[in-house]
């Protein structure tokens, strides 16, 4: 008898790679919690991707003839090493420490944006990691459309990143709008619809919306 190539009945399912596009906002933490409580199964590995914006301080000068100039701010330059250490600790405290407590494997893929990259460039980085790890799904938070200099200095693009991701990848995408984790960890599965690319509205257990 020849095998069709599928897993034999009763054999363990291979682990999946779950990509989380994260920052340190409550919305991103909520998306990570959805993935932990509703999608994760034993053997899976989380890949957390964060593009951290770290720009040289600048001053904007408005000329009386309606011209605008950006010049370097005379303040001391940003301590990049200290910035990254604070960022890693914030991610560890909000996202990876709960994963550790539940025995969920994870890897952090941290990139620096020093050029004020647009959402498309941020997503290109996310997509490259998704290809490298052969991600089974991309999970992103549905941030509201923010403006430059908004409350989140590390991830003001995740609103547009969610939009760009849904429309420019063939991999399944889950966009989490809100999620309240259960009081007790369980292995429930989301009822949300997962599709490859294209925005398809749906609903998921626990208050998360699915678009893919």
Protein backbone atom coordinates (compact mmCIF):
# COMPACT_ATOMS: atom_id res chain seq x y z
CA UNK A 1 0.00 0.00 0.00
CA UNK A 2 1.37 3.41 -0.90
CA UNK A 3 1.06 6.39 1.37
CA UNK A 4 -0.71 9.49 0.10
CA UNK A 5 1.81 11.64 1.92
CA UNK A 6 -0.49 12.74 4.74
CA UNK A 7 -0.02 12.09 8.41
CA UNK A 8 -0.99 8.62 9.57
CA UNK A 9 -4.07 8.38 11.79
CA UNK A 10 -3.10 8.88 15.41
CA UNK A 11 0.34 10.30 14.60
CA UNK A 12 1.30 13.64 16.18
CA UNK A 13 0.54 16.71 14.10
CA UNK A 14 3.61 18.68 13.08
CA UNK A 15 4.16 21.93 14.93
CA UNK A 16 3.27 25.17 13.18
CA UNK A 17 5.11 28.49 13.10
CA UNK A 18 2.84 31.35 14.17
CA UNK A 19 4.01 34.84 13.25
CA UNK A 20 2.95 37.73 15.50
CA UNK A 21 3.55 41.27 14.24
CA UNK A 22 3.89 43.07 17.55
CA UNK A 23 4.60 46.31 19.33
CA UNK A 24 4.07 47.05 23.02
CA UNK A 25 0.60 48.60 22.90
CA UNK A 26 -2.44 47.05 24.58
CA UNK A 27 -3.89 46.20 21.16
CA UNK A 28 -0.80 44.17 20.23
CA UNK A 29 -0.76 42.42 23.60
CA UNK A 30 -4.42 41.54 23.06
CA UNK A 31 -3.58 40.02 19.65
CA UNK A 32 -0.81 37.95 21.22
CA UNK A 33 -3.19 36.74 23.91
CA UNK A 34 -5.69 35.67 21.24
CA UNK A 35 -2.99 33.63 19.51
CA UNK A 36 -1.90 32.05 22.80
CA UNK A 37 -5.38 31.11 23.99
CA UNK A 38 -7.28 30.47 20.79
CA UNK A 39 -4.86 29.29 18.10
CA UNK A 40 -1.80 27.76 19.74
CA UNK A 41 -1.51 24.01 20.07
CA UNK A 42 1.27 21.92 21.56
CA UNK A 43 4.30 21.79 19.29
CA UNK A 44 3.76 25.24 17.75
CA UNK A 45 6.35 28.03 17.90
CA UNK A 46 5.67 31.74 18.03
CA UNK A 47 7.77 34.14 15.95
CA UNK A 48 7.41 37.69 17.22
CA UNK A 49 8.34 40.34 14.65
CA UNK A 50 8.81 43.94 15.72
CA UNK A 51 10.12 46.82 13.61
CA UNK A 52 11.32 49.44 16.08
CA UNK A 53 11.51 52.98 14.86
CA UNK A 54 14.51 54.88 16.18
CA UNK A 55 15.05 58.20 14.44
CA UNK A 56 17.61 60.92 15.02
CA UNK A 57 15.97 63.90 16.81
CA UNK A 58 15.12 66.75 14.45
CA UNK A 59 13.82 70.27 14.63
CA UNK A 60 11.32 71.57 12.08
CA UNK A 61 11.77 75.21 11.06
CA UNK A 62 8.91 76.98 9.27
CA UNK A 63 10.10 79.80 7.03
CA UNK A 64 7.95 82.88 6.49
CA UNK A 65 7.79 82.04 2.77
CA UNK A 66 5.99 78.77 3.56
CA UNK A 67 9.10 76.63 3.29
CA UNK A 68 9.82 73.95 5.88
CA UNK A 69 13.23 72.63 6.87
CA UNK A 70 14.22 69.69 9.07
CA UNK A 71 17.54 70.08 10.82
CA UNK A 72 19.23 67.82 13.40
CA UNK A 73 18.17 68.48 16.96
CA UNK A 74 21.14 69.58 19.10
CA UNK A 75 20.05 67.21 21.88
CA UNK A 76 22.30 64.21 22.59
CA UNK A 77 21.74 61.30 20.15
CA UNK A 78 19.56 58.38 21.19
CA UNK A 79 21.40 55.63 23.06
CA UNK A 80 20.51 52.79 20.69
CA UNK A 81 21.70 50.01 22.98
CA UNK A 82 19.75 51.32 25.96
CA UNK A 83 16.68 51.82 23.75
CA UNK A 84 16.80 48.21 22.55
CA UNK A 85 17.29 46.85 26.06
CA UNK A 86 14.25 48.77 27.32
CA UNK A 87 12.24 47.58 24.34
CA UNK A 88 13.22 43.94 24.84
CA UNK A 89 12.33 44.12 28.52
CA UNK A 90 8.95 45.66 27.67
CA UNK A 91 8.22 42.87 25.16
CA UNK A 92 9.39 40.27 27.66
CA UNK A 93 7.17 41.66 30.42
CA UNK A 94 4.02 42.02 28.31
CA UNK A 95 4.23 39.12 25.85
CA UNK A 96 7.00 36.55 26.15
CA UNK A 97 6.94 36.07 29.92
CA UNK A 98 3.34 34.77 29.80
CA UNK A 99 4.43 32.48 26.96
CA UNK A 100 7.28 31.16 29.08
CA UNK A 101 4.94 30.49 31.99
CA UNK A 102 2.73 28.40 29.69
CA UNK A 103 5.65 26.57 28.06
CA UNK A 104 5.09 28.09 24.62
CA UNK A 105 8.28 28.30 22.48
CA UNK A 106 8.98 31.69 20.92
CA UNK A 107 11.60 33.63 18.99
CA UNK A 108 11.94 37.42 18.76
CA UNK A 109 12.83 38.95 15.39
CA UNK A 110 13.71 42.58 16.11
CA UNK A 111 14.50 45.09 13.36
CA UNK A 112 15.42 48.78 13.49
CA UNK A 113 13.80 51.43 11.32
CA UNK A 114 16.07 54.47 11.12
CA UNK A 115 14.51 55.94 7.96
CA UNK A 116 10.88 56.45 8.92
CA UNK A 117 9.86 53.55 6.68
CA UNK A 118 6.30 53.36 5.29
CA UNK A 119 3.94 50.51 6.10
CA UNK A 120 4.83 48.69 2.89
CA UNK A 121 8.49 48.50 3.92
CA UNK A 122 7.56 47.33 7.42
CA UNK A 123 5.36 44.62 5.90
CA UNK A 124 8.12 43.56 3.51
CA UNK A 125 10.22 42.77 6.58
CA UNK A 126 7.35 40.88 8.18
CA UNK A 127 6.70 38.91 4.99
CA UNK A 128 10.38 37.94 4.71
CA UNK A 129 10.31 36.43 8.18
CA UNK A 130 7.04 34.67 7.34
CA UNK A 131 8.74 33.09 4.33
CA UNK A 132 11.84 32.12 6.31
CA UNK A 133 9.84 30.30 9.00
CA UNK A 134 7.02 29.18 6.67
CA UNK A 135 4.42 30.79 8.92
CA UNK A 136 1.06 29.04 9.12
CA UNK A 137 -0.64 32.34 9.97
CA UNK A 138 0.15 36.03 10.46
CA UNK A 139 -1.49 37.61 13.50
CA UNK A 140 -1.69 41.41 13.71
CA UNK A 141 -3.53 43.91 15.88
CA UNK A 142 -6.18 46.20 14.39
CA UNK A 143 -4.84 49.52 15.64
CA UNK A 144 -6.77 52.62 14.70
CA UNK A 145 -5.19 54.75 12.02
CA UNK A 146 -2.72 56.88 13.93
CA UNK A 147 -0.85 60.01 13.03
CA UNK A 148 2.86 60.57 13.11
CA UNK A 149 4.03 61.33 16.64
CA UNK A 150 1.07 59.53 18.18
CA UNK A 151 1.03 57.76 21.54
CA UNK A 152 3.09 54.78 20.43
CA UNK A 153 6.65 55.86 19.54
CA UNK A 154 7.61 52.32 18.45
CA UNK A 155 4.79 51.22 16.16
CA UNK A 156 2.60 53.98 14.77
CA UNK A 157 2.18 51.98 11.55
CA UNK A 158 0.36 48.90 12.79
CA UNK A 159 -3.01 50.26 11.67
CA UNK A 160 -1.80 50.51 8.08
CA UNK A 161 0.34 47.40 8.53
CA UNK A 162 -2.83 45.39 9.20
CA UNK A 163 -4.44 46.78 6.04
CA UNK A 164 -1.35 46.16 3.93
CA UNK A 165 -0.88 42.66 5.31
CA UNK A 166 -4.45 41.61 4.52
CA UNK A 167 -4.15 42.77 0.93
CA UNK A 168 -0.61 41.72 0.08
CA UNK A 169 0.01 38.22 1.40
CA UNK A 170 -1.31 34.83 0.35
CA UNK A 171 -0.83 33.44 3.83
CA UNK A 172 -3.71 33.25 6.31
CA UNK A 173 -4.10 36.45 8.34
CA UNK A 174 -5.91 37.08 11.62
CA UNK A 175 -6.54 40.71 12.56
CA UNK A 176 -7.52 40.94 16.23
CA UNK A 177 -9.65 43.95 17.13
CA UNK A 178 -10.11 43.10 20.79
CA UNK A 179 -9.78 40.04 22.96
CA UNK A 180 -10.25 39.25 26.63
CA UNK A 181 -8.41 36.08 27.66
CA UNK A 182 -10.22 33.51 29.79
CA UNK A 183 -9.45 33.33 33.49
CA UNK A 184 -8.16 29.79 33.01
CA UNK A 185 -5.92 28.79 30.10
CA UNK A 186 -7.63 26.41 27.75
CA UNK A 187 -7.08 24.99 24.30
CA UNK A 188 -10.20 26.40 22.62
CA UNK A 189 -10.12 27.19 18.95
CA UNK A 190 -11.31 30.37 17.31
CA UNK A 191 -14.44 30.39 15.20
CA UNK A 192 -12.92 33.15 13.09
CA UNK A 193 -12.53 32.65 9.37
CA UNK A 194 -8.96 32.48 8.13
CA UNK A 195 -8.20 33.10 4.49
CA UNK A 196 -5.14 33.80 2.40
CA UNK A 197 -4.99 37.49 1.46
CA UNK A 198 -8.01 39.75 0.85
CA UNK A 199 -10.24 41.17 3.57
CA UNK A 200 -13.06 38.84 4.56
CA UNK A 201 -15.02 40.01 7.60
CA UNK A 202 -15.95 37.46 10.21
CA UNK A 203 -16.08 36.98 13.94
CA UNK A 204 -14.05 35.02 16.42
CA UNK A 205 -14.59 33.73 19.93
CA UNK A 206 -13.62 36.08 22.73
CA UNK A 207 -14.28 39.29 20.84
CA UNK A 208 -11.67 39.07 18.09
CA UNK A 209 -12.47 39.90 14.49
CA UNK A 210 -10.96 37.88 11.70
CA UNK A 211 -9.82 39.27 8.40
CA UNK A 212 -7.60 37.46 6.04
